[in-house]
Amino acid sequence: MASGVCRLARLSLKKKISFLPRTNVPKTSGTLLLTQCRTAVCTSSGAILPKPKKTPFGLFRIAMVVIPFLYVGTLISKNFAALLEEHDIFVPEDDDDDD
């Protein structure tokens, strides 16, 4: 399992990093030297990309999505638990061990 996770992380890292040949270093004995270029911060020509747009009220928007879905999930689970108890599928036993 751990080797699979490590392999998956290595593959995702390889997708994010592309290798471009160096143009200012002369070739030695027919080998090509490679350098890393992250395409997330620069273009293929090497120009730096502008800063990403900052989303205002990011935390507020997250809360506006999460809270209603948590509430709906709570209602669904409460109704399903009542349905199971009504049909005697899953009813907790009332064992009083205090006696």
PDB file of N, CA and C in Angstrom:
ATOM      1  N   MET A   1       0.822  -1.194   0.000  1.00  0.00           N
ATOM      2  CA  MET A   1       0.000   0.000   0.000  1.00  0.00           C
ATOM      3  C   MET A   1       0.865   1.257   0.000  1.00  0.00           C
ATOM      4  N   ALA A   2       1.904   1.246   0.850  1.00  0.00           N
ATOM      5  CA  ALA A   2       2.771   2.415   0.940  1.00  0.00           C
ATOM      6  C   ALA A   2       3.545   2.621  -0.359  1.00  0.00           C
ATOM      7  N   SER A   3       3.965   1.512  -0.994  1.00  0.00           N
ATOM      8  CA  SER A   3       4.699   1.663  -2.247  1.00  0.00           C
ATOM      9  C   SER A   3       3.790   2.208  -3.345  1.00  0.00           C
ATOM     10  N   GLY A   4       2.517   1.853  -3.310  1.00  0.00           N
ATOM     11  CA  GLY A   4       1.568   2.383  -4.293  1.00  0.00           C
ATOM     12  C   GLY A   4       1.351   3.876  -4.113  1.00  0.00           C
ATOM     13  N   VAL A   5       1.275   4.320  -2.867  1.00  0.00           N
ATOM     14  CA  VAL A   5       1.103   5.745  -2.593  1.00  0.00           C
ATOM     15  C   VAL A   5       2.349   6.506  -3.037  1.00  0.00           C
ATOM     16  N   CYS A   6       3.526   5.925  -2.752  1.00  0.00           N
ATOM     17  CA  CYS A   6       4.777   6.565  -3.152  1.00  0.00           C
ATOM     18  C   CYS A   6       4.869   6.657  -4.675  1.00  0.00           C
ATOM     19  N   ARG A   7       4.473   5.597  -5.365  1.00  0.00           N
ATOM     20  CA  ARG A   7       4.511   5.584  -6.825  1.00  0.00           C
ATOM     21  C   ARG A   7       3.540   6.613  -7.394  1.00  0.00           C
ATOM     22  N   LEU A   8       2.358   6.733  -6.788  1.00  0.00           N
ATOM     23  CA  LEU A   8       1.373   7.701  -7.244  1.00  0.00           C
ATOM     24  C   LEU A   8       1.876   9.127  -7.038  1.00  0.00           C
ATOM     25  N   ALA A   9       2.530   9.384  -5.906  1.00  0.00           N
ATOM     26  CA  ALA A   9       3.074  10.716  -5.648  1.00  0.00           C
ATOM     27  C   ALA A   9       4.175  11.043  -6.644  1.00  0.00           C
ATOM     28  N   ARG A  10       5.008  10.061  -6.969  1.00  0.00           N
ATOM     29  CA  ARG A  10       6.086  10.276  -7.924  1.00  0.00           C
ATOM     30  C   ARG A  10       5.518  10.581  -9.310  1.00  0.00           C
ATOM     31  N   LEU A  11       4.464   9.878  -9.713  1.00  0.00           N
ATOM     32  CA  LEU A  11       3.867  10.123 -11.027  1.00  0.00           C
ATOM     33  C   LEU A  11       3.230  11.508 -11.106  1.00  0.00           C
ATOM     34  N   SER A  12       2.559  11.941 -10.028  1.00  0.00           N
ATOM     35  CA  SER A  12       1.942  13.261 -10.043  1.00  0.00           C
ATOM     36  C   SER A  12       3.005  14.351 -10.058  1.00  0.00           C
ATOM     37  N   LEU A  13       4.153  14.095  -9.409  1.00  0.00           N
ATOM     38  CA  LEU A  13       5.231  15.065  -9.429  1.00  0.00           C
ATOM     39  C   LEU A  13       5.831  15.168 -10.819  1.00  0.00           C
ATOM     40  N   LYS A  14       5.943  14.047 -11.524  1.00  0.00           N
ATOM     41  CA  LYS A  14       6.499  14.064 -12.872  1.00  0.00           C
ATOM     42  C   LYS A  14       5.598  14.828 -13.836  1.00  0.00           C
ATOM     43  N   LYS A  15       4.293  14.786 -13.610  1.00  0.00           N
ATOM     44  CA  LYS A  15       3.374  15.501 -14.488  1.00  0.00           C
ATOM     45  C   LYS A  15       3.482  17.005 -14.294  1.00  0.00           C
ATOM     46  N   LYS A  16       3.802  17.450 -13.075  1.00  0.00           N
ATOM     47  CA  LYS A  16       3.859  18.878 -12.787  1.00  0.00           C
ATOM     48  C   LYS A  16       5.174  19.513 -13.233  1.00  0.00           C
ATOM     49  N   ILE A  17       6.215  18.721 -13.408  1.00  0.00           N
ATOM     50  CA  ILE A  17       7.526  19.257 -13.775  1.00  0.00           C
ATOM     51  C   ILE A  17       7.859  18.814 -15.195  1.00  0.00           C
ATOM     52  N   SER A  18       8.161  19.755 -16.023  1.00  0.00           N
ATOM     53  CA  SER A  18       8.587  19.406 -17.373  1.00  0.00           C
ATOM     54  C   SER A  18      10.074  19.720 -17.499  1.00  0.00           C
ATOM     55  N   PHE A  19      10.731  19.012 -18.383  1.00  0.00           N
ATOM     56  CA  PHE A  19      12.157  19.190 -18.567  1.00  0.00           C
ATOM     57  C   PHE A  19      12.411  19.879 -19.893  1.00  0.00           C
ATOM     58  N   LEU A  20      13.172  20.966 -19.849  1.00  0.00           N
ATOM     59  CA  LEU A  20      13.514  21.704 -21.050  1.00  0.00           C
ATOM     60  C   LEU A  20      15.028  21.682 -21.221  1.00  0.00           C
ATOM     61  N   PRO A  21      15.521  21.604 -22.458  1.00  0.00           N
ATOM     62  CA  PRO A  21      16.971  21.597 -22.651  1.00  0.00           C
ATOM     63  C   PRO A  21      17.583  22.956 -22.353  1.00  0.00           C
ATOM     64  N   ARG A  22      18.786  22.948 -21.824  1.00  0.00           N
ATOM     65  CA  ARG A  22      19.514  24.191 -21.584  1.00  0.00           C
ATOM     66  C   ARG A  22      20.050  24.696 -22.905  1.00  0.00           C
ATOM     67  N   THR A  23      19.904  25.984 -23.141  1.00  0.00           N
ATOM     68  CA  THR A  23      20.383  26.535 -24.402  1.00  0.00           C
ATOM     69  C   THR A  23      21.738  27.196 -24.246  1.00  0.00           C
ATOM     70  N   ASN A  24      22.118  27.594 -23.034  1.00  0.00           N
ATOM     71  CA  ASN A  24      23.368  28.315 -22.854  1.00  0.00           C
ATOM     72  C   ASN A  24      24.538  27.397 -22.506  1.00  0.00           C
ATOM     73  N   VAL A  25      24.317  26.103 -22.343  1.00  0.00           N
ATOM     74  CA  VAL A  25      25.383  25.167 -22.012  1.00  0.00           C
ATOM     75  C   VAL A  25      25.693  24.342 -23.252  1.00  0.00           C
ATOM     76  N   PRO A  26      26.964  24.265 -23.656  1.00  0.00           N
ATOM     77  CA  PRO A  26      27.285  23.478 -24.852  1.00  0.00           C
ATOM     78  C   PRO A  26      27.104  21.987 -24.601  1.00  0.00           C
ATOM     79  N   LYS A  27      26.764  21.259 -25.641  1.00  0.00           N
ATOM     80  CA  LYS A  27      26.581  19.819 -25.544  1.00  0.00           C
ATOM     81  C   LYS A  27      27.947  19.150 -25.400  1.00  0.00           C
ATOM     82  N   THR A  28      28.027  18.168 -24.515  1.00  0.00           N
ATOM     83  CA  THR A  28      29.280  17.455 -24.310  1.00  0.00           C
ATOM     84  C   THR A  28      29.076  16.006 -24.667  1.00  0.00           C
ATOM     85  N   SER A  29      29.863  15.527 -25.564  1.00  0.00           N
ATOM     86  CA  SER A  29      29.884  14.132 -26.020  1.00  0.00           C
ATOM     87  C   SER A  29      28.510  13.618 -26.433  1.00  0.00           C
ATOM     88  N   GLY A  30      27.720  14.452 -27.086  1.00  0.00           N
ATOM     89  CA  GLY A  30      26.448  14.006 -27.621  1.00  0.00           C
ATOM     90  C   GLY A  30      25.321  13.870 -26.602  1.00  0.00           C
ATOM     91  N   THR A  31      25.544  14.241 -25.325  1.00  0.00           N
ATOM     92  CA  THR A  31      24.488  14.150 -24.315  1.00  0.00           C
ATOM     93  C   THR A  31      23.800  15.493 -24.188  1.00  0.00           C
ATOM     94  N   LEU A  32      22.560  15.467 -23.851  1.00  0.00           N
ATOM     95  CA  LEU A  32      21.767  16.680 -23.697  1.00  0.00           C
ATOM     96  C   LEU A  32      21.510  16.899 -22.212  1.00  0.00           C
ATOM     97  N   LEU A  33      21.901  18.057 -21.673  1.00  0.00           N
ATOM     98  CA  LEU A  33      21.661  18.372 -20.267  1.00  0.00           C
ATOM     99  C   LEU A  33      20.262  18.939 -20.124  1.00  0.00           C
ATOM    100  N   LEU A  34      19.568  18.556 -19.061  1.00  0.00           N
ATOM    101  CA  LEU A  34      18.188  18.983 -18.841  1.00  0.00           C
ATOM    102  C   LEU A  34      18.099  19.831 -17.582  1.00  0.00           C
ATOM    103  N   THR A  35      17.164  20.754 -17.576  1.00  0.00           N
ATOM    104  CA  THR A  35      16.896  21.565 -16.400  1.00  0.00           C
ATOM    105  C   THR A  35      15.399  21.522 -16.119  1.00  0.00           C
ATOM    106  N   GLN A  36      15.035  21.734 -14.860  1.00  0.00           N
ATOM    107  CA  GLN A  36      13.623  21.670 -14.478  1.00  0.00           C
ATOM    108  C   GLN A  36      12.974  23.030 -14.678  1.00  0.00           C
ATOM    109  N   CYS A  37      11.730  23.004 -15.111  1.00  0.00           N
ATOM    110  CA  CYS A  37      10.949  24.219 -15.280  1.00  0.00           C
ATOM    111  C   CYS A  37       9.533  23.922 -14.793  1.00  0.00           C
ATOM    112  N   ARG A  38       9.094  24.597 -13.773  1.00  0.00           N
ATOM    113  CA  ARG A  38       7.725  24.401 -13.282  1.00  0.00           C
ATOM    114  C   ARG A  38       6.785  25.225 -14.149  1.00  0.00           C
ATOM    115  N   THR A  39       5.855  24.578 -14.794  1.00  0.00           N
ATOM    116  CA  THR A  39       4.948  25.294 -15.683  1.00  0.00           C
ATOM    117  C   THR A  39       3.838  26.008 -14.921  1.00  0.00           C
ATOM    118  N   ALA A  40       3.757  25.797 -13.620  1.00  0.00           N
ATOM    119  CA  ALA A  40       2.721  26.463 -12.840  1.00  0.00           C
ATOM    120  C   ALA A  40       3.058  27.930 -12.603  1.00  0.00           C
ATOM    121  N   VAL A  41       4.344  28.301 -12.641  1.00  0.00           N
ATOM    122  CA  VAL A  41       4.728  29.678 -12.372  1.00  0.00           C
ATOM    123  C   VAL A  41       5.325  30.378 -13.586  1.00  0.00           C
ATOM    124  N   CYS A  42       5.615  29.623 -14.648  1.00  0.00           N
ATOM    125  CA  CYS A  42       6.187  30.250 -15.836  1.00  0.00           C
ATOM    126  C   CYS A  42       5.609  29.597 -17.084  1.00  0.00           C
ATOM    127  N   THR A  43       5.712  30.319 -18.177  1.00  0.00           N
ATOM    128  CA  THR A  43       5.235  29.791 -19.451  1.00  0.00           C
ATOM    129  C   THR A  43       6.315  28.929 -20.081  1.00  0.00           C
ATOM    130  N   SER A  44       6.025  28.356 -21.225  1.00  0.00           N
ATOM    131  CA  SER A  44       7.001  27.512 -21.898  1.00  0.00           C
ATOM    132  C   SER A  44       8.202  28.315 -22.386  1.00  0.00           C
ATOM    133  N   SER A  45       8.008  29.622 -22.602  1.00  0.00           N
ATOM    134  CA  SER A  45       9.130  30.455 -23.028  1.00  0.00           C
ATOM    135  C   SER A  45       9.953  30.940 -21.844  1.00  0.00           C
ATOM    136  N   GLY A  46       9.473  30.729 -20.612  1.00  0.00           N
ATOM    137  CA  GLY A  46      10.217  31.123 -19.422  1.00  0.00           C
ATOM    138  C   GLY A  46       9.687  32.378 -18.759  1.00  0.00           C
ATOM    139  N   ALA A  47       8.663  33.004 -19.310  1.00  0.00           N
ATOM    140  CA  ALA A  47       8.106  34.214 -18.716  1.00  0.00           C
ATOM    141  C   ALA A  47       7.327  33.866 -17.454  1.00  0.00           C
ATOM    142  N   ILE A  48       7.434  34.731 -16.460  1.00  0.00           N
ATOM    143  CA  ILE A  48       6.733  34.506 -15.198  1.00  0.00           C
ATOM    144  C   ILE A  48       5.276  34.903 -15.366  1.00  0.00           C
ATOM    145  N   LEU A  49       4.382  34.031 -14.923  1.00  0.00           N
ATOM    146  CA  LEU A  49       2.951  34.297 -15.030  1.00  0.00           C
ATOM    147  C   LEU A  49       2.524  35.331 -13.992  1.00  0.00           C
ATOM    148  N   PRO A  50       1.437  36.076 -14.246  1.00  0.00           N
ATOM    149  CA  PRO A  50       0.956  37.036 -13.256  1.00  0.00           C
ATOM    150  C   PRO A  50       0.406  36.318 -12.027  1.00  0.00           C
ATOM    151  N   LYS A  51       0.262  37.063 -10.933  1.00  0.00           N
ATOM    152  CA  LYS A  51      -0.277  36.488  -9.702  1.00  0.00           C
ATOM    153  C   LYS A  51      -1.705  36.008  -9.939  1.00  0.00           C
ATOM    154  N   PRO A  52      -2.093  34.909  -9.301  1.00  0.00           N
ATOM    155  CA  PRO A  52      -3.478  34.444  -9.459  1.00  0.00           C
ATOM    156  C   PRO A  52      -4.458  35.394  -8.791  1.00  0.00           C
ATOM    157  N   LYS A  53      -5.704  35.357  -9.278  1.00  0.00           N
ATOM    158  CA  LYS A  53      -6.729  36.214  -8.694  1.00  0.00           C
ATOM    159  C   LYS A  53      -7.033  35.770  -7.272  1.00  0.00           C
ATOM    160  N   LYS A  54      -7.191  36.706  -6.378  1.00  0.00           N
ATOM    161  CA  LYS A  54      -7.523  36.411  -4.992  1.00  0.00           C
ATOM    162  C   LYS A  54      -9.036  36.513  -4.839  1.00  0.00           C
ATOM    163  N   THR A  55      -9.625  35.458  -4.300  1.00  0.00           N
ATOM    164  CA  THR A  55     -11.070  35.424  -4.141  1.00  0.00           C
ATOM    165  C   THR A  55     -11.450  36.073  -2.816  1.00  0.00           C
ATOM    166  N   PRO A  56     -12.205  37.175  -2.852  1.00  0.00           N
ATOM    167  CA  PRO A  56     -12.614  37.784  -1.598  1.00  0.00           C
ATOM    168  C   PRO A  56     -13.693  36.939  -0.914  1.00  0.00           C
ATOM    169  N   PHE A  57     -13.734  37.005   0.392  1.00  0.00           N
ATOM    170  CA  PHE A  57     -14.700  36.277   1.216  1.00  0.00           C
ATOM    171  C   PHE A  57     -14.624  34.776   0.982  1.00  0.00           C
ATOM    172  N   GLY A  58     -13.439  34.232   0.834  1.00  0.00           N
ATOM    173  CA  GLY A  58     -13.267  32.809   0.567  1.00  0.00           C
ATOM    174  C   GLY A  58     -13.805  31.949   1.693  1.00  0.00           C
ATOM    175  N   LEU A  59     -13.483  32.307   2.937  1.00  0.00           N
ATOM    176  CA  LEU A  59     -13.943  31.528   4.080  1.00  0.00           C
ATOM    177  C   LEU A  59     -15.458  31.636   4.242  1.00  0.00           C
ATOM    178  N   PHE A  60     -16.005  32.808   3.958  1.00  0.00           N
ATOM    179  CA  PHE A  60     -17.449  32.998   4.039  1.00  0.00           C
ATOM    180  C   PHE A  60     -18.173  32.130   3.008  1.00  0.00           C
ATOM    181  N   ARG A  61     -17.619  32.058   1.806  1.00  0.00           N
ATOM    182  CA  ARG A  61     -18.231  31.233   0.761  1.00  0.00           C
ATOM    183  C   ARG A  61     -18.174  29.754   1.114  1.00  0.00           C
ATOM    184  N   ILE A  62     -17.064  29.336   1.697  1.00  0.00           N
ATOM    185  CA  ILE A  62     -16.947  27.938   2.121  1.00  0.00           C
ATOM    186  C   ILE A  62     -18.006  27.623   3.168  1.00  0.00           C
ATOM    187  N   ALA A  63     -18.178  28.520   4.122  1.00  0.00           N
ATOM    188  CA  ALA A  63     -19.179  28.306   5.168  1.00  0.00           C
ATOM    189  C   ALA A  63     -20.594  28.268   4.585  1.00  0.00           C
ATOM    190  N   MET A  64     -20.849  29.090   3.575  1.00  0.00           N
ATOM    191  CA  MET A  64     -22.179  29.126   2.964  1.00  0.00           C
ATOM    192  C   MET A  64     -22.491  27.838   2.212  1.00  0.00           C
ATOM    193  N   VAL A  65     -21.490  27.081   1.814  1.00  0.00           N
ATOM    194  CA  VAL A  65     -21.708  25.810   1.141  1.00  0.00           C
ATOM    195  C   VAL A  65     -21.741  24.667   2.150  1.00  0.00           C
ATOM    196  N   VAL A  66     -20.828  24.669   3.110  1.00  0.00           N
ATOM    197  CA  VAL A  66     -20.682  23.543   4.029  1.00  0.00           C
ATOM    198  C   VAL A  66     -21.855  23.447   5.003  1.00  0.00           C
ATOM    199  N   ILE A  67     -22.281  24.542   5.581  1.00  0.00           N
ATOM    200  CA  ILE A  67     -23.326  24.515   6.615  1.00  0.00           C
ATOM    201  C   ILE A  67     -24.650  23.947   6.088  1.00  0.00           C
ATOM    202  N   PRO A  68     -25.168  24.369   4.934  1.00  0.00           N
ATOM    203  CA  PRO A  68     -26.422  23.763   4.467  1.00  0.00           C
ATOM    204  C   PRO A  68     -26.304  22.269   4.174  1.00  0.00           C
ATOM    205  N   PHE A  69     -25.167  21.833   3.613  1.00  0.00           N
ATOM    206  CA  PHE A  69     -25.025  20.412   3.316  1.00  0.00           C
ATOM    207  C   PHE A  69     -24.868  19.585   4.586  1.00  0.00           C
ATOM    208  N   LEU A  70     -24.217  20.130   5.606  1.00  0.00           N
ATOM    209  CA  LEU A  70     -24.168  19.435   6.896  1.00  0.00           C
ATOM    210  C   LEU A  70     -25.565  19.301   7.494  1.00  0.00           C
ATOM    211  N   TYR A  71     -26.366  20.347   7.379  1.00  0.00           N
ATOM    212  CA  TYR A  71     -27.725  20.317   7.904  1.00  0.00           C
ATOM    213  C   TYR A  71     -28.581  19.294   7.155  1.00  0.00           C
ATOM    214  N   VAL A  72     -28.475  19.268   5.828  1.00  0.00           N
ATOM    215  CA  VAL A  72     -29.251  18.312   5.036  1.00  0.00           C
ATOM    216  C   VAL A  72     -28.807  16.886   5.349  1.00  0.00           C
ATOM    217  N   GLY A  73     -27.507  16.659   5.511  1.00  0.00           N
ATOM    218  CA  GLY A  73     -27.004  15.338   5.868  1.00  0.00           C
ATOM    219  C   GLY A  73     -27.501  14.891   7.227  1.00  0.00           C
ATOM    220  N   THR A  74     -27.574  15.819   8.162  1.00  0.00           N
ATOM    221  CA  THR A  74     -28.103  15.503   9.492  1.00  0.00           C
ATOM    222  C   THR A  74     -29.570  15.116   9.417  1.00  0.00           C
ATOM    223  N   LEU A  75     -30.351  15.839   8.636  1.00  0.00           N
ATOM    224  CA  LEU A  75     -31.771  15.512   8.494  1.00  0.00           C
ATOM    225  C   LEU A  75     -31.968  14.137   7.856  1.00  0.00           C
ATOM    226  N   ILE A  76     -31.185  13.837   6.834  1.00  0.00           N
ATOM    227  CA  ILE A  76     -31.311  12.538   6.163  1.00  0.00           C
ATOM    228  C   ILE A  76     -30.972  11.410   7.118  1.00  0.00           C
ATOM    229  N   SER A  77     -29.874  11.545   7.870  1.00  0.00           N
ATOM    230  CA  SER A  77     -29.481  10.470   8.785  1.00  0.00           C
ATOM    231  C   SER A  77     -30.484  10.310   9.921  1.00  0.00           C
ATOM    232  N   LYS A  78     -31.047  11.417  10.406  1.00  0.00           N
ATOM    233  CA  LYS A  78     -32.044  11.336  11.470  1.00  0.00           C
ATOM    234  C   LYS A  78     -33.303  10.619  10.979  1.00  0.00           C
ATOM    235  N   ASN A  79     -33.756  10.961   9.774  1.00  0.00           N
ATOM    236  CA  ASN A  79     -34.953  10.313   9.224  1.00  0.00           C
ATOM    237  C   ASN A  79     -34.705   8.840   8.921  1.00  0.00           C
ATOM    238  N   PHE A  80     -33.514   8.490   8.444  1.00  0.00           N
ATOM    239  CA  PHE A  80     -33.204   7.100   8.153  1.00  0.00           C
ATOM    240  C   PHE A  80     -33.112   6.281   9.435  1.00  0.00           C
ATOM    241  N   ALA A  81     -32.557   6.865  10.504  1.00  0.00           N
ATOM    242  CA  ALA A  81     -32.494   6.167  11.787  1.00  0.00           C
ATOM    243  C   ALA A  81     -33.895   5.939  12.341  1.00  0.00           C
ATOM    244  N   ALA A  82     -34.790   6.914  12.168  1.00  0.00           N
ATOM    245  CA  ALA A  82     -36.170   6.737  12.622  1.00  0.00           C
ATOM    246  C   ALA A  82     -36.874   5.660  11.797  1.00  0.00           C
ATOM    247  N   LEU A  83     -36.592   5.575  10.515  1.00  0.00           N
ATOM    248  CA  LEU A  83     -37.187   4.550   9.661  1.00  0.00           C
ATOM    249  C   LEU A  83     -36.714   3.155  10.079  1.00  0.00           C
ATOM    250  N   LEU A  84     -35.423   3.018  10.363  1.00  0.00           N
ATOM    251  CA  LEU A  84     -34.899   1.729  10.810  1.00  0.00           C
ATOM    252  C   LEU A  84     -35.515   1.303  12.143  1.00  0.00           C
ATOM    253  N   GLU A  85     -35.683   2.244  13.047  1.00  0.00           N
ATOM    254  CA  GLU A  85     -36.270   1.905  14.344  1.00  0.00           C
ATOM    255  C   GLU A  85     -37.752   1.568  14.205  1.00  0.00           C
ATOM    256  N   GLU A  86     -38.436   2.250  13.303  1.00  0.00           N
ATOM    257  CA  GLU A  86     -39.861   1.991  13.100  1.00  0.00           C
ATOM    258  C   GLU A  86     -40.099   0.580  12.570  1.00  0.00           C
ATOM    259  N   HIS A  87     -39.251   0.084  11.719  1.00  0.00           N
ATOM    260  CA  HIS A  87     -39.396  -1.249  11.144  1.00  0.00           C
ATOM    261  C   HIS A  87     -38.647  -2.316  11.935  1.00  0.00           C
ATOM    262  N   ASP A  88     -38.169  -1.970  13.092  1.00  0.00           N
ATOM    263  CA  ASP A  88     -37.441  -2.884  13.985  1.00  0.00           C
ATOM    264  C   ASP A  88     -36.257  -3.544  13.295  1.00  0.00           C
ATOM    265  N   ILE A  89     -35.601  -2.822  12.426  1.00  0.00           N
ATOM    266  CA  ILE A  89     -34.405  -3.348  11.774  1.00  0.00           C
ATOM    267  C   ILE A  89     -33.210  -3.164  12.688  1.00  0.00           C
ATOM    268  N   PHE A  90     -33.064  -2.000  13.242  1.00  0.00           N
ATOM    269  CA  PHE A  90     -31.986  -1.736  14.183  1.00  0.00           C
ATOM    270  C   PHE A  90     -32.579  -0.959  15.339  1.00  0.00           C
ATOM    271  N   VAL A  91     -32.763  -1.635  16.447  1.00  0.00           N
ATOM    272  CA  VAL A  91     -33.296  -1.006  17.643  1.00  0.00           C
ATOM    273  C   VAL A  91     -32.310  -1.253  18.775  1.00  0.00           C
ATOM    274  N   PRO A  92     -31.783  -0.211  19.375  1.00  0.00           N
ATOM    275  CA  PRO A  92     -30.864  -0.419  20.494  1.00  0.00           C
ATOM    276  C   PRO A  92     -31.590  -1.056  21.679  1.00  0.00           C
ATOM    277  N   GLU A  93     -30.908  -1.975  22.327  1.00  0.00           N
ATOM    278  CA  GLU A  93     -31.497  -2.643  23.483  1.00  0.00           C
ATOM    279  C   GLU A  93     -31.380  -1.763  24.718  1.00  0.00           C
ATOM    280  N   ASP A  94     -32.404  -1.815  25.551  1.00  0.00           N
ATOM    281  CA  ASP A  94     -32.395  -1.026  26.783  1.00  0.00           C
ATOM    282  C   ASP A  94     -31.958  -1.917  27.932  1.00  0.00           C
ATOM    283  N   ASP A  95     -30.692  -2.219  28.001  1.00  0.00           N
ATOM    284  CA  ASP A  95     -30.153  -3.028  29.102  1.00  0.00           C
ATOM    285  C   ASP A  95     -29.750  -2.103  30.239  1.00  0.00           C
ATOM    286  N   ASP A  96     -30.333  -2.366  31.379  1.00  0.00           N
ATOM    287  CA  ASP A  96     -29.958  -1.610  32.575  1.00  0.00           C
ATOM    288  C   ASP A  96     -29.050  -2.477  33.409  1.00  0.00           C
ATOM    289  N   ASP A  97     -27.778  -2.223  33.360  1.00  0.00           N
ATOM    290  CA  ASP A  97     -26.800  -2.974  34.135  1.00  0.00           C
ATOM    291  C   ASP A  97     -26.564  -2.376  35.501  1.00  0.00           C
ATOM    292  N   ASP A  98     -27.284  -1.331  35.823  1.00  0.00           N
ATOM    293  CA  ASP A  98     -27.077  -0.651  37.110  1.00  0.00           C
ATOM    294  C   ASP A  98     -27.701  -1.433  38.272  1.00  0.00           C
ATOM    295  N   ASP A  99     -28.602  -2.366  38.026  1.00  0.00           N
ATOM    296  CA  ASP A  99     -29.309  -3.087  39.102  1.00  0.00           C
ATOM    297  C   ASP A  99     -28.405  -4.029  39.836  1.00  0.00           C
TER     298      ASP A  99
END
